[in-house]
Amino acid sequence: MVKMLVPYPDKCTGCRFCEMACSLYHEGKVNHGNARLQVHRRDVKTDFPAVCTHCVSCGEECCVLQCPVEAIKNEDGIVRVEESECTACGTCVEVCPFGVMRMEDVAFKCDLCGGDPTCVKFCPMGAIKYEEPKPEQYELVRSLLKEEE
């Protein structure tokens, strides 16, 4: 089975090192808005990471299914945006149940750093791991996100 990012909300301290490492790796500078994952603060004591599940647990909200120009492709279990095909319509950003699709000139999202996710390496608490998908962990994050609404 393909490895994915798996969030463990109970381990997150809200340090946001994962966001910093992600944006630095991809953008060359620290910019939390360009991180391919998000740390949410639920209350003073509760933070949790939201990560791209590469549509493992998205159902009909899957960006691959909803992209009107088919610029988002699932290849061998890894979902990627074909930047040259993206029209920046924003549909993927709207439908992503984890809120981790981003838009600048085109859509962008987690690419798993080529199989060695930087966010995992820089998470001091082990709140994000690179392992076989754990649907129960994704559902836990979904429920936490719904509580924010």
N, C-alpha and C. Protein backbone atom coordinates (compact mmCIF):
# COMPACT_ATOMS: atom_id res chain seq x y z
N MET A 1 0.83 -1.19 0.00
CA MET A 1 0.00 0.00 0.00
C MET A 1 0.88 1.25 0.00
N VAL A 2 0.38 2.31 -0.59
CA VAL A 2 1.08 3.58 -0.66
C VAL A 2 1.08 4.25 0.72
N LYS A 3 2.17 4.87 1.06
CA LYS A 3 2.23 5.62 2.32
C LYS A 3 1.65 7.00 2.10
N MET A 4 1.02 7.53 3.16
CA MET A 4 0.42 8.86 3.15
C MET A 4 0.79 9.57 4.44
N LEU A 5 0.49 10.85 4.49
CA LEU A 5 0.60 11.58 5.74
C LEU A 5 -0.58 11.18 6.60
N VAL A 6 -0.32 10.88 7.85
CA VAL A 6 -1.37 10.52 8.80
C VAL A 6 -1.26 11.46 9.99
N PRO A 7 -2.33 12.23 10.28
CA PRO A 7 -2.30 13.14 11.41
C PRO A 7 -2.69 12.46 12.72
N TYR A 8 -2.05 12.87 13.78
CA TYR A 8 -2.36 12.40 15.13
C TYR A 8 -2.64 13.64 15.99
N PRO A 9 -3.89 14.13 15.94
CA PRO A 9 -4.24 15.38 16.61
C PRO A 9 -3.91 15.41 18.10
N ASP A 10 -4.00 14.28 18.77
CA ASP A 10 -3.73 14.26 20.21
C ASP A 10 -2.27 14.54 20.55
N LYS A 11 -1.38 14.49 19.55
CA LYS A 11 0.05 14.73 19.79
C LYS A 11 0.48 16.15 19.40
N CYS A 12 -0.38 16.88 18.73
CA CYS A 12 -0.01 18.20 18.22
C CYS A 12 0.02 19.23 19.36
N THR A 13 1.09 20.03 19.38
CA THR A 13 1.23 21.09 20.38
C THR A 13 1.02 22.48 19.77
N GLY A 14 0.82 22.53 18.46
CA GLY A 14 0.61 23.81 17.80
C GLY A 14 1.88 24.59 17.52
N CYS A 15 3.02 23.94 17.53
CA CYS A 15 4.29 24.63 17.30
C CYS A 15 4.41 25.15 15.87
N ARG A 16 3.73 24.51 14.95
CA ARG A 16 3.69 24.88 13.53
C ARG A 16 5.03 24.70 12.82
N PHE A 17 5.93 23.91 13.42
CA PHE A 17 7.19 23.61 12.74
C PHE A 17 6.92 22.92 11.41
N CYS A 18 5.90 22.08 11.36
CA CYS A 18 5.56 21.37 10.12
C CYS A 18 5.22 22.35 9.00
N GLU A 19 4.43 23.38 9.32
CA GLU A 19 4.08 24.39 8.32
C GLU A 19 5.32 25.17 7.87
N MET A 20 6.15 25.54 8.82
CA MET A 20 7.36 26.29 8.49
C MET A 20 8.28 25.47 7.59
N ALA A 21 8.48 24.20 7.96
CA ALA A 21 9.37 23.33 7.17
C ALA A 21 8.81 23.11 5.77
N CYS A 22 7.51 22.92 5.68
CA CYS A 22 6.86 22.70 4.38
C CYS A 22 7.03 23.91 3.47
N SER A 23 6.70 25.09 3.97
CA SER A 23 6.80 26.28 3.13
C SER A 23 8.25 26.60 2.77
N LEU A 24 9.16 26.37 3.70
CA LEU A 24 10.58 26.61 3.40
C LEU A 24 11.07 25.64 2.33
N TYR A 25 10.68 24.38 2.43
CA TYR A 25 11.07 23.37 1.44
C TYR A 25 10.53 23.71 0.05
N HIS A 26 9.26 24.10 -0.01
CA HIS A 26 8.63 24.33 -1.31
C HIS A 26 8.81 25.74 -1.86
N GLU A 27 8.85 26.73 -0.98
CA GLU A 27 8.87 28.13 -1.44
C GLU A 27 10.21 28.82 -1.22
N GLY A 28 11.07 28.21 -0.40
CA GLY A 28 12.34 28.84 -0.10
C GLY A 28 12.25 29.91 0.96
N LYS A 29 11.07 30.05 1.58
CA LYS A 29 10.89 31.01 2.67
C LYS A 29 9.76 30.51 3.56
N VAL A 30 9.75 31.00 4.77
CA VAL A 30 8.70 30.61 5.70
C VAL A 30 7.47 31.46 5.44
N ASN A 31 6.40 30.80 5.05
CA ASN A 31 5.13 31.46 4.78
C ASN A 31 4.04 30.44 5.08
N HIS A 32 3.43 30.55 6.25
CA HIS A 32 2.43 29.57 6.66
C HIS A 32 1.29 29.44 5.64
N GLY A 33 0.97 30.50 4.95
CA GLY A 33 -0.11 30.46 3.95
C GLY A 33 0.21 29.59 2.75
N ASN A 34 1.49 29.31 2.53
CA ASN A 34 1.88 28.47 1.41
C ASN A 34 2.27 27.06 1.83
N ALA A 35 2.04 26.72 3.08
CA ALA A 35 2.30 25.35 3.53
C ALA A 35 1.23 24.45 2.94
N ARG A 36 1.59 23.23 2.66
CA ARG A 36 0.67 22.28 2.05
C ARG A 36 -0.13 21.51 3.10
N LEU A 37 -0.06 21.93 4.34
CA LEU A 37 -0.86 21.39 5.43
C LEU A 37 -1.19 22.57 6.33
N GLN A 38 -2.09 22.37 7.27
CA GLN A 38 -2.48 23.45 8.17
C GLN A 38 -2.58 22.93 9.59
N VAL A 39 -2.14 23.77 10.51
CA VAL A 39 -2.35 23.49 11.93
C VAL A 39 -3.48 24.40 12.38
N HIS A 40 -4.50 23.80 12.95
CA HIS A 40 -5.66 24.54 13.43
C HIS A 40 -5.62 24.64 14.94
N ARG A 41 -6.02 25.78 15.46
CA ARG A 41 -6.13 25.97 16.91
C ARG A 41 -7.62 25.92 17.25
N ARG A 42 -7.98 24.90 17.99
CA ARG A 42 -9.38 24.72 18.37
C ARG A 42 -9.70 25.52 19.63
N ASP A 43 -8.82 25.47 20.59
CA ASP A 43 -8.93 26.26 21.82
C ASP A 43 -7.53 26.39 22.39
N VAL A 44 -7.40 26.96 23.55
CA VAL A 44 -6.09 27.23 24.13
C VAL A 44 -5.25 25.96 24.29
N LYS A 45 -5.88 24.83 24.52
CA LYS A 45 -5.15 23.59 24.77
C LYS A 45 -5.16 22.61 23.60
N THR A 46 -5.91 22.92 22.54
CA THR A 46 -6.08 21.93 21.49
C THR A 46 -5.71 22.48 20.12
N ASP A 47 -4.67 21.91 19.54
CA ASP A 47 -4.25 22.19 18.16
C ASP A 47 -4.26 20.87 17.41
N PHE A 48 -4.45 20.94 16.10
CA PHE A 48 -4.41 19.71 15.33
C PHE A 48 -4.00 19.98 13.89
N PRO A 49 -3.28 19.04 13.29
CA PRO A 49 -2.87 19.20 11.89
C PRO A 49 -3.92 18.65 10.94
N ALA A 50 -4.12 19.37 9.84
CA ALA A 50 -4.95 18.87 8.74
C ALA A 50 -4.01 18.67 7.55
N VAL A 51 -4.05 17.47 6.97
CA VAL A 51 -3.13 17.12 5.89
C VAL A 51 -3.91 16.61 4.68
N CYS A 52 -3.27 16.64 3.54
CA CYS A 52 -3.86 16.06 2.33
C CYS A 52 -3.86 14.54 2.46
N THR A 53 -4.99 13.94 2.21
CA THR A 53 -5.09 12.48 2.28
C THR A 53 -4.98 11.85 0.90
N HIS A 54 -4.66 12.65 -0.10
CA HIS A 54 -4.56 12.19 -1.48
C HIS A 54 -5.84 11.44 -1.89
N CYS A 55 -6.94 12.02 -1.43
CA CYS A 55 -8.30 11.57 -1.76
C CYS A 55 -8.65 10.19 -1.21
N VAL A 56 -7.83 9.66 -0.30
CA VAL A 56 -8.12 8.37 0.31
C VAL A 56 -9.44 8.42 1.06
N SER A 57 -9.73 9.55 1.70
CA SER A 57 -10.94 9.62 2.52
C SER A 57 -11.85 10.78 2.15
N CYS A 58 -11.75 11.29 0.93
CA CYS A 58 -12.53 12.46 0.55
C CYS A 58 -13.88 12.13 -0.07
N GLY A 59 -14.05 10.94 -0.62
CA GLY A 59 -15.33 10.59 -1.25
C GLY A 59 -15.62 11.48 -2.44
N GLU A 60 -16.86 11.94 -2.55
CA GLU A 60 -17.27 12.77 -3.68
C GLU A 60 -16.66 14.16 -3.63
N GLU A 61 -16.10 14.56 -2.49
CA GLU A 61 -15.48 15.87 -2.36
C GLU A 61 -14.06 15.87 -2.94
N CYS A 62 -13.64 14.76 -3.44
CA CYS A 62 -12.29 14.59 -3.96
C CYS A 62 -11.97 15.62 -5.04
N CYS A 63 -10.85 16.31 -4.90
CA CYS A 63 -10.44 17.32 -5.87
C CYS A 63 -10.27 16.72 -7.26
N VAL A 64 -9.82 15.48 -7.33
CA VAL A 64 -9.65 14.81 -8.63
C VAL A 64 -10.98 14.72 -9.35
N LEU A 65 -12.03 14.34 -8.64
CA LEU A 65 -13.35 14.19 -9.25
C LEU A 65 -14.00 15.52 -9.58
N GLN A 66 -13.69 16.54 -8.81
CA GLN A 66 -14.37 17.83 -8.96
C GLN A 66 -13.68 18.82 -9.90
N CYS A 67 -12.44 18.58 -10.26
CA CYS A 67 -11.72 19.51 -11.14
C CYS A 67 -12.38 19.52 -12.51
N PRO A 68 -12.92 20.67 -12.94
CA PRO A 68 -13.64 20.71 -14.22
C PRO A 68 -12.77 20.53 -15.46
N VAL A 69 -11.45 20.73 -15.33
CA VAL A 69 -10.57 20.58 -16.49
C VAL A 69 -9.63 19.38 -16.36
N GLU A 70 -9.87 18.56 -15.33
CA GLU A 70 -9.09 17.35 -15.08
C GLU A 70 -7.59 17.62 -14.96
N ALA A 71 -7.26 18.74 -14.29
CA ALA A 71 -5.86 19.10 -14.09
C ALA A 71 -5.26 18.40 -12.87
N ILE A 72 -6.12 17.77 -12.08
CA ILE A 72 -5.65 17.07 -10.88
C ILE A 72 -5.77 15.58 -11.16
N LYS A 73 -4.66 14.89 -11.00
CA LYS A 73 -4.62 13.48 -11.39
C LYS A 73 -4.14 12.61 -10.23
N ASN A 74 -4.72 11.43 -10.16
CA ASN A 74 -4.30 10.43 -9.17
C ASN A 74 -3.48 9.40 -9.91
N GLU A 75 -2.18 9.43 -9.66
CA GLU A 75 -1.26 8.50 -10.32
C GLU A 75 -0.63 7.62 -9.25
N ASP A 76 -0.98 6.36 -9.28
CA ASP A 76 -0.43 5.39 -8.32
C ASP A 76 -0.71 5.78 -6.87
N GLY A 77 -1.88 6.38 -6.62
CA GLY A 77 -2.26 6.74 -5.26
C GLY A 77 -1.77 8.09 -4.78
N ILE A 78 -0.98 8.77 -5.60
CA ILE A 78 -0.49 10.11 -5.25
C ILE A 78 -1.23 11.11 -6.14
N VAL A 79 -1.87 12.08 -5.52
CA VAL A 79 -2.63 13.08 -6.26
C VAL A 79 -1.74 14.28 -6.53
N ARG A 80 -1.68 14.66 -7.82
CA ARG A 80 -0.82 15.77 -8.23
C ARG A 80 -1.61 16.76 -9.09
N VAL A 81 -1.21 18.01 -9.04
CA VAL A 81 -1.80 19.05 -9.88
C VAL A 81 -0.89 19.24 -11.09
N GLU A 82 -1.46 19.13 -12.26
CA GLU A 82 -0.72 19.43 -13.50
C GLU A 82 -0.86 20.94 -13.72
N GLU A 83 0.16 21.68 -13.29
CA GLU A 83 0.09 23.14 -13.31
C GLU A 83 -0.21 23.70 -14.70
N SER A 84 0.31 23.07 -15.74
CA SER A 84 0.09 23.57 -17.10
C SER A 84 -1.36 23.43 -17.55
N GLU A 85 -2.13 22.57 -16.87
CA GLU A 85 -3.53 22.36 -17.24
C GLU A 85 -4.50 23.11 -16.32
N CYS A 86 -4.01 23.58 -15.17
CA CYS A 86 -4.86 24.24 -14.18
C CYS A 86 -5.29 25.62 -14.68
N THR A 87 -6.59 25.91 -14.55
CA THR A 87 -7.14 27.21 -14.95
C THR A 87 -7.35 28.13 -13.75
N ALA A 88 -6.98 27.69 -12.57
CA ALA A 88 -7.12 28.47 -11.33
C ALA A 88 -8.57 28.84 -11.04
N CYS A 89 -9.48 27.93 -11.34
CA CYS A 89 -10.90 28.20 -11.09
C CYS A 89 -11.25 28.15 -9.61
N GLY A 90 -10.46 27.42 -8.82
CA GLY A 90 -10.68 27.36 -7.39
C GLY A 90 -11.62 26.28 -6.90
N THR A 91 -12.16 25.49 -7.81
CA THR A 91 -13.09 24.43 -7.41
C THR A 91 -12.45 23.48 -6.41
N CYS A 92 -11.22 23.10 -6.64
CA CYS A 92 -10.52 22.17 -5.75
C CYS A 92 -10.38 22.74 -4.35
N VAL A 93 -10.11 24.02 -4.25
CA VAL A 93 -9.97 24.67 -2.95
C VAL A 93 -11.31 24.64 -2.21
N GLU A 94 -12.38 24.89 -2.94
CA GLU A 94 -13.72 24.89 -2.34
C GLU A 94 -14.16 23.52 -1.85
N VAL A 95 -13.82 22.46 -2.56
CA VAL A 95 -14.33 21.13 -2.21
C VAL A 95 -13.45 20.35 -1.25
N CYS A 96 -12.20 20.73 -1.09
CA CYS A 96 -11.29 19.95 -0.24
C CYS A 96 -11.81 19.92 1.20
N PRO A 97 -12.18 18.72 1.69
CA PRO A 97 -12.75 18.64 3.04
C PRO A 97 -11.74 18.91 4.15
N PHE A 98 -10.46 18.93 3.81
CA PHE A 98 -9.43 19.18 4.82
C PHE A 98 -8.85 20.59 4.72
N GLY A 99 -9.29 21.35 3.71
CA GLY A 99 -8.85 22.72 3.56
C GLY A 99 -7.37 22.88 3.25
N VAL A 100 -6.79 21.91 2.57
CA VAL A 100 -5.35 21.96 2.33
C VAL A 100 -4.97 22.19 0.86
N MET A 101 -5.95 22.36 0.00
CA MET A 101 -5.64 22.79 -1.37
C MET A 101 -5.38 24.29 -1.30
N ARG A 102 -4.40 24.76 -2.00
CA ARG A 102 -4.03 26.17 -2.01
C ARG A 102 -4.11 26.71 -3.43
N MET A 103 -4.22 28.03 -3.55
CA MET A 103 -4.28 28.65 -4.86
C MET A 103 -3.39 29.89 -4.84
N GLU A 104 -2.53 29.98 -5.82
CA GLU A 104 -1.79 31.21 -6.06
C GLU A 104 -2.09 31.52 -7.53
N ASP A 105 -1.14 31.35 -8.41
CA ASP A 105 -1.44 31.48 -9.84
C ASP A 105 -2.17 30.24 -10.34
N VAL A 106 -1.86 29.11 -9.74
CA VAL A 106 -2.52 27.83 -10.02
C VAL A 106 -2.71 27.10 -8.69
N ALA A 107 -3.46 26.02 -8.72
CA ALA A 107 -3.66 25.22 -7.51
C ALA A 107 -2.38 24.50 -7.14
N PHE A 108 -2.17 24.31 -5.86
CA PHE A 108 -1.05 23.50 -5.41
C PHE A 108 -1.45 22.79 -4.12
N LYS A 109 -0.79 21.67 -3.86
CA LYS A 109 -1.12 20.84 -2.71
C LYS A 109 0.08 19.99 -2.33
N CYS A 110 -0.08 19.19 -1.31
CA CYS A 110 0.98 18.31 -0.85
C CYS A 110 1.41 17.35 -1.96
N ASP A 111 2.72 17.23 -2.13
CA ASP A 111 3.26 16.28 -3.10
C ASP A 111 4.09 15.20 -2.40
N LEU A 112 3.95 15.15 -1.08
CA LEU A 112 4.68 14.19 -0.24
C LEU A 112 6.20 14.34 -0.34
N CYS A 113 6.63 15.49 -0.83
CA CYS A 113 8.08 15.79 -0.92
C CYS A 113 8.85 14.66 -1.59
N GLY A 114 8.27 14.06 -2.59
CA GLY A 114 8.95 13.00 -3.32
C GLY A 114 9.14 11.72 -2.51
N GLY A 115 8.32 11.53 -1.48
CA GLY A 115 8.40 10.31 -0.67
C GLY A 115 9.19 10.47 0.62
N ASP A 116 9.60 11.70 0.93
CA ASP A 116 10.33 11.96 2.17
C ASP A 116 9.79 13.26 2.78
N PRO A 117 8.54 13.24 3.28
CA PRO A 117 7.86 14.47 3.71
C PRO A 117 8.62 15.27 4.77
N THR A 118 8.91 16.50 4.41
CA THR A 118 9.63 17.41 5.29
C THR A 118 8.85 17.68 6.57
N CYS A 119 7.54 17.82 6.48
CA CYS A 119 6.74 18.12 7.67
C CYS A 119 6.90 17.03 8.73
N VAL A 120 6.99 15.79 8.30
CA VAL A 120 7.14 14.67 9.23
C VAL A 120 8.47 14.76 9.96
N LYS A 121 9.52 15.08 9.21
CA LYS A 121 10.86 15.16 9.80
C LYS A 121 10.97 16.27 10.83
N PHE A 122 10.19 17.34 10.66
CA PHE A 122 10.29 18.49 11.55
C PHE A 122 9.20 18.55 12.62
N CYS A 123 8.35 17.55 12.68
CA CYS A 123 7.32 17.52 13.73
C CYS A 123 7.93 16.87 14.98
N PRO A 124 8.25 17.67 15.99
CA PRO A 124 8.93 17.12 17.16
C PRO A 124 8.07 16.17 18.01
N MET A 125 6.75 16.24 17.85
CA MET A 125 5.86 15.45 18.69
C MET A 125 5.32 14.20 17.99
N GLY A 126 5.62 14.04 16.71
CA GLY A 126 5.08 12.89 15.98
C GLY A 126 3.60 13.02 15.69
N ALA A 127 3.12 14.26 15.53
CA ALA A 127 1.71 14.50 15.25
C ALA A 127 1.37 14.24 13.78
N ILE A 128 2.39 14.09 12.95
CA ILE A 128 2.22 13.74 11.54
C ILE A 128 3.22 12.63 11.25
N LYS A 129 2.71 11.55 10.70
CA LYS A 129 3.59 10.43 10.35
C LYS A 129 3.39 10.08 8.88
N TYR A 130 4.38 9.41 8.31
CA TYR A 130 4.32 8.95 6.93
C TYR A 130 4.21 7.44 6.99
N GLU A 131 2.99 6.95 6.77
CA GLU A 131 2.71 5.53 6.94
C GLU A 131 1.48 5.14 6.14
N GLU A 132 1.07 3.90 6.26
CA GLU A 132 -0.14 3.46 5.58
C GLU A 132 -1.31 4.31 6.05
N PRO A 133 -2.23 4.65 5.14
CA PRO A 133 -3.37 5.49 5.52
C PRO A 133 -4.15 4.90 6.69
N LYS A 134 -4.62 5.78 7.55
CA LYS A 134 -5.42 5.40 8.71
C LYS A 134 -6.73 6.18 8.64
N PRO A 135 -7.76 5.59 8.02
CA PRO A 135 -9.03 6.30 7.85
C PRO A 135 -9.61 6.86 9.15
N GLU A 136 -9.40 6.17 10.25
CA GLU A 136 -9.94 6.66 11.52
C GLU A 136 -9.29 7.98 11.93
N GLN A 137 -8.02 8.18 11.60
CA GLN A 137 -7.34 9.43 11.93
C GLN A 137 -7.87 10.56 11.04
N TYR A 138 -8.12 10.26 9.77
CA TYR A 138 -8.66 11.28 8.87
C TYR A 138 -10.06 11.69 9.32
N GLU A 139 -10.85 10.73 9.74
CA GLU A 139 -12.21 11.04 10.21
C GLU A 139 -12.18 11.87 11.48
N LEU A 140 -11.22 11.61 12.35
CA LEU A 140 -11.07 12.41 13.56
C LEU A 140 -10.79 13.87 13.19
N VAL A 141 -9.89 14.09 12.25
CA VAL A 141 -9.58 15.46 11.81
C VAL A 141 -10.81 16.09 11.15
N ARG A 142 -11.52 15.33 10.35
CA ARG A 142 -12.74 15.86 9.73
C ARG A 142 -13.74 16.33 10.77
N SER A 143 -13.91 15.53 11.81
CA SER A 143 -14.86 15.90 12.86
C SER A 143 -14.39 17.16 13.60
N LEU A 144 -13.09 17.30 13.82
CA LEU A 144 -12.57 18.50 14.46
C LEU A 144 -12.77 19.73 13.57
N LEU A 145 -12.58 19.57 12.27
CA LEU A 145 -12.80 20.68 11.34
C LEU A 145 -14.27 21.08 11.31
N LYS A 146 -15.17 20.10 11.36
CA LYS A 146 -16.61 20.42 11.35
C LYS A 146 -17.01 21.17 12.61
N GLU A 147 -16.37 20.87 13.72
CA GLU A 147 -16.65 21.58 14.97
C GLU A 147 -16.25 23.05 14.87
N GLU A 148 -15.27 23.36 14.01
CA GLU A 148 -14.83 24.74 13.83
C GLU A 148 -15.86 25.58 13.07
N GLU A 149 -16.65 24.93 12.24
CA GLU A 149 -17.61 25.66 11.38
C GLU A 149 -18.69 26.35 12.14
